[in-house]
């Protein structure tokens, strides 16, 4: 498989080549080279904005992933990161590049229930009202859906973890999963006769894995 030594091109030649292969418009090229963020726009991106800083953007070349060639934009101020990534990816070309797959886009929301007197009854009530819980969770979004739930009993300290399984599609999902957990917490508290404490997305994303 032939490769292009992108580093041998001048900056102007790189832009022209990229414009051609990526079908960029003149406006997109202008935005790419402008490299400035207005403070008003930055204020909508993150909290507590006091200013902006420029970061160089380069292209890591020679990546083949699942049989398709990719040019990967990387923003970094550290020398050799992009050239090393490009060289390393070139070594994989003779064996077909990288092969990657994912297990889906399910994130887990956890509702922690404490002070439960009868755990078996609490679990029975949750599963008996499963569809009601899922329907209530799904009032929070028209595109991201809670597709299932499960219940885990922990002994030390004693608690139930009611877990919502949410298909967040291509989003990270934290905000919508948190909102769903908040929405169903009063119902779960009523069903279990316990006290709901934490209601938050789990960082243990065991249902959303990527393997390369």
N, C-alpha and C. Protein backbone atom coordinates (compact mmCIF):
# COMPACT_ATOMS: atom_id res chain seq x y z
N UNK A 1 0.85 -1.19 0.00
CA UNK A 1 0.00 0.00 0.00
C UNK A 1 0.89 1.24 0.00
N UNK A 2 0.69 2.12 -0.95
CA UNK A 2 1.51 3.32 -1.04
C UNK A 2 1.12 4.31 0.03
N UNK A 3 2.13 5.07 0.51
CA UNK A 3 1.88 6.08 1.53
C UNK A 3 2.46 7.40 1.08
N UNK A 4 1.88 8.48 1.55
CA UNK A 4 2.35 9.82 1.24
C UNK A 4 3.14 10.34 2.43
N UNK A 5 4.36 10.86 2.16
CA UNK A 5 5.14 11.47 3.25
C UNK A 5 4.65 12.91 3.40
N UNK A 6 3.65 13.06 4.22
CA UNK A 6 2.98 14.36 4.42
C UNK A 6 3.95 15.42 4.93
N UNK A 7 4.96 14.96 5.70
CA UNK A 7 5.90 15.90 6.32
C UNK A 7 6.80 16.58 5.29
N UNK A 8 6.93 15.98 4.11
CA UNK A 8 7.80 16.56 3.08
C UNK A 8 7.10 17.71 2.33
N UNK A 9 5.78 17.83 2.49
CA UNK A 9 5.05 18.90 1.82
C UNK A 9 5.17 20.20 2.60
N UNK A 10 5.09 21.32 1.87
CA UNK A 10 5.04 22.60 2.55
C UNK A 10 3.66 22.77 3.19
N UNK A 11 3.53 23.73 4.10
CA UNK A 11 2.24 23.92 4.77
C UNK A 11 1.15 24.24 3.74
N UNK A 12 1.49 25.05 2.74
CA UNK A 12 0.51 25.39 1.70
C UNK A 12 0.11 24.14 0.92
N UNK A 13 1.10 23.30 0.61
CA UNK A 13 0.81 22.06 -0.14
C UNK A 13 -0.04 21.10 0.69
N UNK A 14 0.22 21.06 2.01
CA UNK A 14 -0.59 20.20 2.88
C UNK A 14 -2.05 20.62 2.86
N UNK A 15 -2.29 21.92 2.97
CA UNK A 15 -3.65 22.44 2.97
C UNK A 15 -4.34 22.12 1.65
N UNK A 16 -3.63 22.33 0.52
CA UNK A 16 -4.20 22.05 -0.80
C UNK A 16 -4.53 20.57 -0.96
N UNK A 17 -3.62 19.71 -0.49
CA UNK A 17 -3.84 18.27 -0.59
C UNK A 17 -5.04 17.86 0.26
N UNK A 18 -5.06 18.38 1.49
CA UNK A 18 -6.15 18.04 2.40
C UNK A 18 -7.49 18.53 1.86
N UNK A 19 -7.49 19.72 1.28
CA UNK A 19 -8.72 20.26 0.69
C UNK A 19 -9.24 19.34 -0.40
N UNK A 20 -8.33 18.77 -1.18
CA UNK A 20 -8.72 17.91 -2.28
C UNK A 20 -9.25 16.56 -1.78
N UNK A 21 -8.51 15.90 -0.89
CA UNK A 21 -8.89 14.55 -0.48
C UNK A 21 -10.09 14.56 0.48
N UNK A 22 -10.26 15.65 1.24
CA UNK A 22 -11.36 15.71 2.21
C UNK A 22 -12.54 16.54 1.70
N UNK A 23 -12.44 17.03 0.46
CA UNK A 23 -13.51 17.84 -0.14
C UNK A 23 -13.89 19.04 0.74
N UNK A 24 -12.87 19.74 1.24
CA UNK A 24 -13.13 20.91 2.08
C UNK A 24 -13.55 22.10 1.23
N UNK A 25 -14.46 22.91 1.77
CA UNK A 25 -14.84 24.16 1.10
C UNK A 25 -13.83 25.24 1.45
N UNK A 26 -13.89 26.35 0.71
CA UNK A 26 -13.02 27.48 1.01
C UNK A 26 -13.25 27.99 2.42
N UNK A 27 -14.52 28.01 2.83
CA UNK A 27 -14.85 28.47 4.18
C UNK A 27 -14.24 27.56 5.24
N UNK A 28 -14.28 26.25 5.00
CA UNK A 28 -13.71 25.30 5.96
C UNK A 28 -12.20 25.45 6.05
N UNK A 29 -11.56 25.72 4.91
CA UNK A 29 -10.12 25.95 4.91
C UNK A 29 -9.78 27.22 5.70
N UNK A 30 -10.59 28.25 5.52
CA UNK A 30 -10.37 29.50 6.26
C UNK A 30 -10.51 29.27 7.76
N UNK A 31 -11.54 28.52 8.16
CA UNK A 31 -11.74 28.23 9.58
C UNK A 31 -10.57 27.43 10.13
N UNK A 32 -10.09 26.46 9.35
CA UNK A 32 -8.98 25.61 9.78
C UNK A 32 -7.72 26.42 10.04
N UNK A 33 -7.50 27.44 9.21
CA UNK A 33 -6.28 28.23 9.33
C UNK A 33 -6.42 29.42 10.27
N UNK A 34 -7.65 29.76 10.61
CA UNK A 34 -7.86 30.93 11.48
C UNK A 34 -7.34 30.66 12.88
N UNK A 35 -7.76 29.53 13.47
CA UNK A 35 -7.21 29.10 14.74
C UNK A 35 -7.51 29.99 15.92
N UNK A 36 -8.61 30.72 15.89
CA UNK A 36 -8.96 31.60 17.00
C UNK A 36 -10.37 31.28 17.49
N UNK A 37 -10.55 31.35 18.79
CA UNK A 37 -11.87 31.15 19.39
C UNK A 37 -12.28 32.45 20.08
N UNK A 38 -13.42 32.99 19.69
CA UNK A 38 -13.93 34.18 20.37
C UNK A 38 -14.30 33.83 21.80
N UNK A 39 -14.08 34.77 22.70
CA UNK A 39 -14.36 34.51 24.10
C UNK A 39 -15.83 34.17 24.33
N UNK A 40 -16.70 34.80 23.57
CA UNK A 40 -18.13 34.52 23.71
C UNK A 40 -18.43 33.06 23.37
N UNK A 41 -17.77 32.55 22.32
CA UNK A 41 -17.96 31.14 21.94
C UNK A 41 -17.33 30.21 22.97
N UNK A 42 -16.15 30.58 23.47
CA UNK A 42 -15.47 29.76 24.46
C UNK A 42 -16.29 29.65 25.74
N UNK A 43 -17.01 30.72 26.07
CA UNK A 43 -17.85 30.73 27.27
C UNK A 43 -18.98 29.72 27.18
N UNK A 44 -19.37 29.35 25.95
CA UNK A 44 -20.44 28.38 25.76
C UNK A 44 -19.91 26.94 25.75
N UNK A 45 -18.59 26.81 25.68
CA UNK A 45 -17.97 25.48 25.59
C UNK A 45 -17.60 24.94 26.96
N UNK A 46 -16.96 25.78 27.79
CA UNK A 46 -16.55 25.35 29.12
C UNK A 46 -16.94 26.39 30.15
N UNK A 47 -16.72 26.06 31.42
CA UNK A 47 -17.07 26.96 32.52
C UNK A 47 -15.87 27.84 32.88
N UNK A 48 -16.17 28.97 33.54
CA UNK A 48 -15.15 29.84 34.15
C UNK A 48 -14.10 30.32 33.16
N UNK A 49 -14.52 30.65 31.95
CA UNK A 49 -13.58 31.06 30.90
C UNK A 49 -12.90 32.38 31.27
N UNK A 50 -11.56 32.41 31.09
CA UNK A 50 -10.82 33.66 31.25
C UNK A 50 -10.05 34.03 29.99
N UNK A 51 -9.96 33.11 29.04
CA UNK A 51 -9.24 33.38 27.81
C UNK A 51 -9.13 32.13 26.97
N UNK A 52 -8.37 32.20 25.89
CA UNK A 52 -8.16 31.03 25.02
C UNK A 52 -6.67 30.96 24.67
N UNK A 53 -6.23 29.75 24.27
CA UNK A 53 -4.86 29.57 23.82
C UNK A 53 -4.86 28.81 22.50
N UNK A 54 -3.93 29.13 21.60
CA UNK A 54 -3.86 28.37 20.34
C UNK A 54 -3.09 27.06 20.53
N UNK A 55 -3.56 26.00 19.90
CA UNK A 55 -2.88 24.70 19.90
C UNK A 55 -2.67 24.29 18.44
N UNK A 56 -1.44 23.92 18.05
CA UNK A 56 -1.21 23.49 16.66
C UNK A 56 -2.01 22.24 16.32
N UNK A 57 -2.53 22.21 15.10
CA UNK A 57 -3.25 21.03 14.61
C UNK A 57 -2.47 20.41 13.47
N UNK A 58 -2.19 19.14 13.58
CA UNK A 58 -1.50 18.42 12.52
C UNK A 58 -2.29 17.20 12.08
N UNK A 59 -1.76 16.49 11.08
CA UNK A 59 -2.43 15.31 10.53
C UNK A 59 -1.55 14.08 10.73
N UNK A 60 -2.08 13.08 11.42
CA UNK A 60 -1.41 11.78 11.52
C UNK A 60 -1.86 10.93 10.33
N UNK A 61 -0.90 10.47 9.55
CA UNK A 61 -1.21 9.77 8.30
C UNK A 61 -1.01 8.26 8.44
N UNK A 62 -1.38 7.55 7.36
CA UNK A 62 -1.10 6.11 7.19
C UNK A 62 -1.98 5.19 8.03
N UNK A 63 -3.03 5.71 8.66
CA UNK A 63 -3.89 4.84 9.46
C UNK A 63 -4.87 4.09 8.56
N UNK A 64 -4.91 2.78 8.71
CA UNK A 64 -5.93 1.95 8.08
C UNK A 64 -6.69 1.25 9.20
N UNK A 65 -7.99 1.50 9.29
CA UNK A 65 -8.81 0.93 10.35
C UNK A 65 -10.00 0.22 9.71
N UNK A 66 -10.12 -1.05 9.97
CA UNK A 66 -11.18 -1.88 9.37
C UNK A 66 -11.21 -1.75 7.85
N UNK A 67 -10.02 -1.73 7.25
CA UNK A 67 -9.92 -1.72 5.81
C UNK A 67 -10.06 -0.37 5.16
N UNK A 68 -10.26 0.69 5.92
CA UNK A 68 -10.46 2.02 5.36
C UNK A 68 -9.34 2.95 5.81
N UNK A 69 -8.84 3.77 4.88
CA UNK A 69 -7.73 4.65 5.20
C UNK A 69 -8.24 5.93 5.87
N UNK A 70 -7.55 6.33 6.94
CA UNK A 70 -7.93 7.53 7.69
C UNK A 70 -6.75 8.48 7.83
N UNK A 71 -7.06 9.77 7.76
CA UNK A 71 -6.12 10.82 8.15
C UNK A 71 -6.70 11.41 9.43
N UNK A 72 -5.91 11.42 10.47
CA UNK A 72 -6.44 11.75 11.79
C UNK A 72 -5.89 13.09 12.28
N UNK A 73 -6.76 14.11 12.45
CA UNK A 73 -6.29 15.38 12.99
C UNK A 73 -5.95 15.26 14.46
N UNK A 74 -4.82 15.83 14.85
CA UNK A 74 -4.39 15.79 16.25
C UNK A 74 -3.94 17.18 16.67
N UNK A 75 -4.44 17.64 17.81
CA UNK A 75 -4.04 18.93 18.36
C UNK A 75 -3.09 18.69 19.53
N UNK A 76 -1.87 19.15 19.40
CA UNK A 76 -0.86 18.92 20.45
C UNK A 76 0.24 19.96 20.34
N UNK A 77 0.88 20.25 21.46
CA UNK A 77 2.02 21.16 21.45
C UNK A 77 3.33 20.39 21.61
N UNK A 78 3.24 19.06 21.65
CA UNK A 78 4.44 18.25 21.89
C UNK A 78 5.02 17.71 20.60
N UNK A 79 6.31 17.94 20.41
CA UNK A 79 7.00 17.49 19.21
C UNK A 79 7.06 15.97 19.14
N UNK A 80 7.00 15.43 17.95
CA UNK A 80 7.18 14.00 17.63
C UNK A 80 5.93 13.15 17.84
N UNK A 81 4.91 13.66 18.52
CA UNK A 81 3.70 12.86 18.75
C UNK A 81 3.09 12.43 17.42
N UNK A 82 2.90 13.38 16.52
CA UNK A 82 2.22 13.09 15.25
C UNK A 82 3.10 12.25 14.33
N UNK A 83 4.39 12.59 14.26
CA UNK A 83 5.28 11.81 13.39
C UNK A 83 5.44 10.38 13.89
N UNK A 84 5.51 10.20 15.22
CA UNK A 84 5.62 8.85 15.77
C UNK A 84 4.35 8.04 15.52
N UNK A 85 3.18 8.69 15.67
CA UNK A 85 1.91 8.00 15.41
C UNK A 85 1.83 7.58 13.94
N UNK A 86 2.26 8.47 13.05
CA UNK A 86 2.22 8.17 11.61
C UNK A 86 3.17 7.02 11.26
N UNK A 87 4.36 7.05 11.85
CA UNK A 87 5.33 5.98 11.57
C UNK A 87 4.84 4.65 12.13
N UNK A 88 4.32 4.67 13.35
CA UNK A 88 3.83 3.42 13.95
C UNK A 88 2.69 2.82 13.15
N UNK A 89 1.77 3.69 12.68
CA UNK A 89 0.65 3.17 11.90
C UNK A 89 1.11 2.61 10.56
N UNK A 90 2.19 3.18 10.02
CA UNK A 90 2.73 2.68 8.75
C UNK A 90 3.23 1.25 8.90
N UNK A 91 3.78 0.91 10.08
CA UNK A 91 4.27 -0.44 10.32
C UNK A 91 3.15 -1.48 10.26
N UNK A 92 1.90 -1.06 10.47
CA UNK A 92 0.79 -2.02 10.50
C UNK A 92 0.20 -2.28 9.11
N UNK A 93 0.62 -1.51 8.12
CA UNK A 93 -0.01 -1.60 6.80
C UNK A 93 0.18 -2.97 6.15
N UNK A 94 1.33 -3.58 6.37
CA UNK A 94 1.60 -4.87 5.72
C UNK A 94 0.69 -5.98 6.23
N UNK A 95 0.11 -5.78 7.42
CA UNK A 95 -0.81 -6.79 7.96
C UNK A 95 -2.26 -6.31 7.95
N UNK A 96 -2.52 -5.26 7.16
CA UNK A 96 -3.90 -4.81 6.99
C UNK A 96 -4.34 -3.71 7.92
N UNK A 97 -3.40 -3.14 8.69
CA UNK A 97 -3.75 -2.03 9.57
C UNK A 97 -4.42 -2.49 10.86
N UNK A 98 -5.21 -1.61 11.43
CA UNK A 98 -5.88 -1.90 12.70
C UNK A 98 -7.26 -2.49 12.46
N UNK A 99 -7.67 -3.38 13.35
CA UNK A 99 -9.02 -3.92 13.32
C UNK A 99 -9.70 -3.53 14.64
N UNK A 100 -10.85 -2.92 14.54
CA UNK A 100 -11.52 -2.40 15.74
C UNK A 100 -13.00 -2.74 15.71
N UNK A 101 -13.57 -2.92 16.89
CA UNK A 101 -15.02 -3.09 16.98
C UNK A 101 -15.47 -2.64 18.36
N UNK A 102 -16.75 -2.36 18.48
CA UNK A 102 -17.28 -1.96 19.78
C UNK A 102 -18.45 -2.85 20.17
N UNK A 103 -18.74 -2.87 21.47
CA UNK A 103 -19.78 -3.75 21.99
C UNK A 103 -21.14 -3.06 22.07
N UNK A 104 -21.21 -1.80 21.64
CA UNK A 104 -22.47 -1.07 21.69
C UNK A 104 -22.29 0.28 22.37
N UNK A 105 -23.41 0.97 22.60
CA UNK A 105 -23.34 2.33 23.16
C UNK A 105 -24.20 2.45 24.42
N UNK A 106 -24.15 1.41 25.25
CA UNK A 106 -24.94 1.40 26.48
C UNK A 106 -24.13 1.96 27.65
N UNK A 107 -24.64 3.01 28.28
CA UNK A 107 -24.08 3.53 29.52
C UNK A 107 -24.98 3.14 30.69
N UNK A 108 -24.39 3.07 31.88
CA UNK A 108 -25.11 2.59 33.06
C UNK A 108 -25.35 3.75 34.03
N UNK A 109 -26.60 3.94 34.42
CA UNK A 109 -26.94 4.88 35.47
C UNK A 109 -27.28 4.13 36.74
N UNK A 110 -26.76 4.58 37.87
CA UNK A 110 -26.97 3.86 39.13
C UNK A 110 -27.77 4.70 40.11
N UNK A 111 -28.80 4.08 40.68
CA UNK A 111 -29.58 4.69 41.76
C UNK A 111 -29.33 3.86 43.01
N UNK A 112 -28.71 4.47 44.01
CA UNK A 112 -28.36 3.79 45.25
C UNK A 112 -29.52 3.91 46.24
N UNK A 113 -29.99 2.77 46.74
CA UNK A 113 -31.12 2.77 47.67
C UNK A 113 -30.66 2.19 49.00
N UNK A 114 -30.82 3.00 50.07
CA UNK A 114 -30.40 2.60 51.42
C UNK A 114 -31.63 2.40 52.32
N UNK A 115 -31.39 1.90 53.52
CA UNK A 115 -32.41 1.76 54.57
C UNK A 115 -33.60 0.91 54.12
N UNK A 116 -33.31 -0.16 53.43
CA UNK A 116 -34.37 -1.07 52.97
C UNK A 116 -34.60 -2.15 54.03
N UNK A 117 -35.85 -2.35 54.40
CA UNK A 117 -36.18 -3.36 55.41
C UNK A 117 -36.32 -4.75 54.81
N UNK A 118 -36.92 -4.82 53.62
CA UNK A 118 -37.17 -6.12 53.00
C UNK A 118 -36.61 -6.09 51.57
N UNK A 119 -35.42 -6.66 51.40
CA UNK A 119 -34.74 -6.60 50.10
C UNK A 119 -35.47 -7.41 49.03
N UNK A 120 -35.98 -8.55 49.36
CA UNK A 120 -36.68 -9.38 48.37
C UNK A 120 -37.93 -8.66 47.87
N UNK A 121 -38.69 -8.07 48.78
CA UNK A 121 -39.87 -7.32 48.39
C UNK A 121 -39.48 -6.13 47.51
N UNK A 122 -38.40 -5.43 47.89
CA UNK A 122 -37.97 -4.26 47.13
C UNK A 122 -37.59 -4.64 45.70
N UNK A 123 -36.83 -5.74 45.56
CA UNK A 123 -36.45 -6.19 44.21
C UNK A 123 -37.68 -6.62 43.41
N UNK A 124 -38.61 -7.31 44.06
CA UNK A 124 -39.83 -7.74 43.37
C UNK A 124 -40.62 -6.54 42.86
N UNK A 125 -40.72 -5.50 43.68
CA UNK A 125 -41.47 -4.31 43.30
C UNK A 125 -40.83 -3.59 42.12
N UNK A 126 -39.51 -3.52 42.12
CA UNK A 126 -38.81 -2.85 41.03
C UNK A 126 -39.06 -3.58 39.71
N UNK A 127 -38.90 -4.91 39.72
CA UNK A 127 -39.09 -5.67 38.48
C UNK A 127 -40.56 -5.68 38.06
N UNK A 128 -41.47 -5.65 39.02
CA UNK A 128 -42.90 -5.61 38.69
C UNK A 128 -43.28 -4.30 38.01
N UNK A 129 -42.53 -3.24 38.29
CA UNK A 129 -42.82 -1.92 37.72
C UNK A 129 -41.72 -1.49 36.74
N UNK A 130 -41.05 -2.47 36.16
CA UNK A 130 -39.93 -2.20 35.25
C UNK A 130 -40.33 -1.27 34.10
N UNK A 131 -41.40 -1.59 33.41
CA UNK A 131 -41.79 -0.77 32.25
C UNK A 131 -42.18 0.64 32.66
N UNK A 132 -42.79 0.77 33.81
CA UNK A 132 -43.14 2.10 34.31
C UNK A 132 -41.88 2.93 34.58
N UNK A 133 -40.86 2.29 35.16
CA UNK A 133 -39.60 2.98 35.44
C UNK A 133 -38.91 3.40 34.14
N UNK A 134 -38.86 2.47 33.16
CA UNK A 134 -38.22 2.79 31.88
C UNK A 134 -38.97 3.90 31.15
N UNK A 135 -40.29 3.85 31.18
CA UNK A 135 -41.09 4.88 30.51
C UNK A 135 -40.85 6.24 31.13
N UNK A 136 -40.75 6.27 32.45
CA UNK A 136 -40.48 7.53 33.14
C UNK A 136 -39.10 8.05 32.79
N UNK A 137 -38.12 7.18 32.74
CA UNK A 137 -36.76 7.58 32.35
C UNK A 137 -36.75 8.16 30.95
N UNK A 138 -37.54 7.58 30.06
CA UNK A 138 -37.53 8.00 28.66
C UNK A 138 -38.31 9.28 28.38
N UNK A 139 -38.88 9.88 29.43
CA UNK A 139 -39.47 11.22 29.25
C UNK A 139 -38.38 12.28 29.16
N UNK A 140 -37.14 11.90 29.45
CA UNK A 140 -36.05 12.88 29.48
C UNK A 140 -35.39 13.11 28.13
N UNK A 141 -35.66 12.23 27.16
CA UNK A 141 -35.04 12.38 25.84
C UNK A 141 -35.86 11.67 24.78
N UNK A 142 -35.88 12.24 23.58
CA UNK A 142 -36.59 11.61 22.47
C UNK A 142 -35.65 10.77 21.61
N UNK A 143 -34.35 10.86 21.84
CA UNK A 143 -33.38 10.14 21.01
C UNK A 143 -32.55 9.13 21.80
N UNK A 144 -32.24 9.41 23.06
CA UNK A 144 -31.50 8.48 23.91
C UNK A 144 -32.50 7.71 24.76
N UNK A 145 -32.40 6.37 24.77
CA UNK A 145 -33.44 5.56 25.39
C UNK A 145 -32.89 4.65 26.48
N UNK A 146 -33.60 4.60 27.60
CA UNK A 146 -33.34 3.58 28.61
C UNK A 146 -33.96 2.28 28.09
N UNK A 147 -33.15 1.26 27.90
CA UNK A 147 -33.61 0.03 27.24
C UNK A 147 -33.80 -1.14 28.20
N UNK A 148 -33.23 -1.03 29.40
CA UNK A 148 -33.37 -2.14 30.35
C UNK A 148 -32.95 -1.65 31.74
N UNK A 149 -33.22 -2.46 32.75
CA UNK A 149 -32.71 -2.18 34.09
C UNK A 149 -32.34 -3.48 34.77
N UNK A 150 -31.51 -3.36 35.78
CA UNK A 150 -31.14 -4.52 36.58
C UNK A 150 -30.93 -4.05 38.02
N UNK A 151 -30.96 -4.99 38.93
CA UNK A 151 -30.84 -4.66 40.36
C UNK A 151 -29.74 -5.51 40.97
N UNK A 152 -28.88 -4.86 41.73
CA UNK A 152 -27.81 -5.58 42.44
C UNK A 152 -27.92 -5.28 43.93
N UNK A 153 -27.77 -6.33 44.73
CA UNK A 153 -27.79 -6.17 46.18
C UNK A 153 -26.38 -6.25 46.71
N UNK A 154 -25.96 -5.22 47.45
CA UNK A 154 -24.65 -5.20 48.07
C UNK A 154 -24.79 -5.40 49.57
N UNK A 155 -23.87 -6.16 50.16
CA UNK A 155 -23.99 -6.52 51.57
C UNK A 155 -23.30 -5.53 52.49
N UNK A 156 -22.15 -4.99 52.06
CA UNK A 156 -21.38 -4.10 52.95
C UNK A 156 -20.98 -2.82 52.22
N UNK A 157 -21.60 -1.69 52.55
CA UNK A 157 -22.77 -1.58 53.41
C UNK A 157 -24.01 -2.09 52.68
N UNK A 158 -25.05 -2.46 53.41
CA UNK A 158 -26.25 -3.01 52.76
C UNK A 158 -26.96 -1.96 51.91
N UNK A 159 -27.22 -2.29 50.66
CA UNK A 159 -27.91 -1.37 49.75
C UNK A 159 -28.37 -2.12 48.51
N UNK A 160 -29.27 -1.50 47.77
CA UNK A 160 -29.62 -1.94 46.43
C UNK A 160 -29.07 -0.93 45.43
N UNK A 161 -28.54 -1.42 44.33
CA UNK A 161 -28.18 -0.57 43.21
C UNK A 161 -29.13 -0.89 42.07
N UNK A 162 -29.99 0.06 41.74
CA UNK A 162 -30.86 -0.08 40.58
C UNK A 162 -30.12 0.55 39.41
N UNK A 163 -29.86 -0.23 38.37
CA UNK A 163 -29.05 0.24 37.25
C UNK A 163 -29.89 0.38 36.00
N UNK A 164 -29.91 1.58 35.45
CA UNK A 164 -30.56 1.84 34.17
C UNK A 164 -29.55 1.63 33.05
N UNK A 165 -29.92 0.87 32.04
CA UNK A 165 -29.07 0.67 30.87
C UNK A 165 -29.60 1.57 29.76
N UNK A 166 -28.79 2.55 29.38
CA UNK A 166 -29.24 3.61 28.48
C UNK A 166 -28.43 3.58 27.19
N UNK A 167 -29.12 3.52 26.07
CA UNK A 167 -28.46 3.61 24.75
C UNK A 167 -28.25 5.09 24.45
N UNK A 168 -27.00 5.55 24.62
CA UNK A 168 -26.70 6.98 24.45
C UNK A 168 -26.22 7.29 23.03
N UNK A 169 -26.23 6.29 22.16
CA UNK A 169 -25.82 6.43 20.76
C UNK A 169 -24.40 6.98 20.68
N UNK A 170 -24.18 8.09 19.96
CA UNK A 170 -22.81 8.57 19.76
C UNK A 170 -22.40 9.64 20.77
N UNK A 171 -23.22 9.87 21.79
CA UNK A 171 -22.86 10.87 22.80
C UNK A 171 -22.14 10.21 23.97
N UNK A 172 -21.48 11.03 24.80
CA UNK A 172 -20.85 10.49 26.00
C UNK A 172 -21.94 10.01 26.96
N UNK A 173 -23.01 10.79 27.09
CA UNK A 173 -24.20 10.31 27.78
C UNK A 173 -24.35 10.69 29.24
N UNK A 174 -23.36 11.37 29.83
CA UNK A 174 -23.43 11.63 31.26
C UNK A 174 -24.66 12.45 31.64
N UNK A 175 -24.90 13.53 30.92
CA UNK A 175 -26.01 14.42 31.29
C UNK A 175 -27.37 13.73 31.21
N UNK A 176 -27.60 13.01 30.11
CA UNK A 176 -28.91 12.39 29.93
C UNK A 176 -29.10 11.23 30.90
N UNK A 177 -28.03 10.47 31.18
CA UNK A 177 -28.15 9.36 32.13
C UNK A 177 -28.41 9.90 33.54
N UNK A 178 -27.70 10.96 33.90
CA UNK A 178 -27.95 11.59 35.21
C UNK A 178 -29.39 12.07 35.31
N UNK A 179 -29.90 12.69 34.24
CA UNK A 179 -31.28 13.19 34.24
C UNK A 179 -32.28 12.05 34.40
N UNK A 180 -32.03 10.94 33.73
CA UNK A 180 -32.92 9.78 33.85
C UNK A 180 -32.91 9.23 35.27
N UNK A 181 -31.73 9.14 35.87
CA UNK A 181 -31.63 8.65 37.25
C UNK A 181 -32.39 9.56 38.21
N UNK A 182 -32.26 10.86 38.02
CA UNK A 182 -32.98 11.83 38.86
C UNK A 182 -34.49 11.66 38.68
N UNK A 183 -34.92 11.42 37.44
CA UNK A 183 -36.35 11.34 37.15
C UNK A 183 -37.01 10.13 37.81
N UNK A 184 -36.31 9.00 37.82
CA UNK A 184 -36.93 7.78 38.35
C UNK A 184 -36.68 7.58 39.85
N UNK A 185 -35.80 8.37 40.45
CA UNK A 185 -35.45 8.19 41.86
C UNK A 185 -36.65 8.22 42.80
N UNK A 186 -37.58 9.19 42.68
CA UNK A 186 -38.73 9.19 43.60
C UNK A 186 -39.60 7.94 43.48
N UNK A 187 -39.80 7.45 42.25
CA UNK A 187 -40.60 6.24 42.06
C UNK A 187 -39.90 5.04 42.69
N UNK A 188 -38.60 4.91 42.48
CA UNK A 188 -37.86 3.79 43.06
C UNK A 188 -37.88 3.86 44.58
N UNK A 189 -37.76 5.05 45.12
CA UNK A 189 -37.83 5.22 46.57
C UNK A 189 -39.18 4.77 47.10
N UNK A 190 -40.25 5.12 46.38
CA UNK A 190 -41.59 4.74 46.79
C UNK A 190 -41.79 3.23 46.70
N UNK A 191 -41.28 2.61 45.66
CA UNK A 191 -41.45 1.18 45.46
C UNK A 191 -40.68 0.35 46.47
N UNK A 192 -39.49 0.80 46.85
CA UNK A 192 -38.63 0.01 47.72
C UNK A 192 -38.84 0.32 49.21
N UNK A 193 -39.54 1.43 49.50
CA UNK A 193 -39.70 1.90 50.88
C UNK A 193 -38.34 2.18 51.54
N UNK A 194 -37.35 2.50 50.69
CA UNK A 194 -36.02 2.82 51.19
C UNK A 194 -35.72 4.30 50.99
N UNK A 195 -34.45 4.64 51.07
CA UNK A 195 -34.00 6.00 50.91
C UNK A 195 -32.99 6.08 49.77
N UNK A 196 -33.35 6.80 48.69
CA UNK A 196 -32.44 6.96 47.57
C UNK A 196 -31.37 7.98 47.93
N UNK A 197 -30.12 7.62 47.64
CA UNK A 197 -29.01 8.53 47.88
C UNK A 197 -28.38 8.93 46.55
N UNK A 198 -27.34 8.26 46.10
CA UNK A 198 -26.69 8.60 44.84
C UNK A 198 -27.57 8.23 43.65
N UNK A 199 -27.53 9.04 42.62
CA UNK A 199 -28.22 8.77 41.34
C UNK A 199 -27.38 9.41 40.24
N UNK A 200 -26.55 8.59 39.61
CA UNK A 200 -25.50 9.14 38.74
C UNK A 200 -25.03 8.11 37.73
N UNK A 201 -24.46 8.60 36.62
CA UNK A 201 -23.86 7.71 35.62
C UNK A 201 -22.65 7.01 36.23
N UNK A 202 -22.48 5.74 35.88
CA UNK A 202 -21.33 4.98 36.36
C UNK A 202 -20.14 5.16 35.42
N UNK A 203 -18.94 5.30 36.00
CA UNK A 203 -17.72 5.35 35.19
C UNK A 203 -17.26 3.96 34.76
N UNK A 204 -17.87 2.93 35.32
CA UNK A 204 -17.52 1.56 34.95
C UNK A 204 -18.38 1.17 33.74
N UNK A 205 -17.92 1.57 32.57
CA UNK A 205 -18.72 1.41 31.34
C UNK A 205 -18.50 0.03 30.73
N UNK A 206 -18.91 -1.00 31.45
CA UNK A 206 -18.67 -2.38 31.01
C UNK A 206 -19.52 -2.79 29.82
N UNK A 207 -20.58 -2.03 29.52
CA UNK A 207 -21.45 -2.37 28.39
C UNK A 207 -21.09 -1.53 27.16
N UNK A 208 -19.98 -0.78 27.25
CA UNK A 208 -19.59 0.10 26.14
C UNK A 208 -18.07 0.02 25.95
N UNK A 209 -17.62 -1.07 25.38
CA UNK A 209 -16.19 -1.31 25.23
C UNK A 209 -15.78 -1.21 23.77
N UNK A 210 -14.56 -0.72 23.54
CA UNK A 210 -13.97 -0.69 22.21
C UNK A 210 -12.70 -1.51 22.25
N UNK A 211 -12.58 -2.42 21.31
CA UNK A 211 -11.37 -3.24 21.23
C UNK A 211 -10.68 -2.99 19.89
N UNK A 212 -9.36 -2.83 19.95
CA UNK A 212 -8.58 -2.56 18.74
C UNK A 212 -7.45 -3.57 18.67
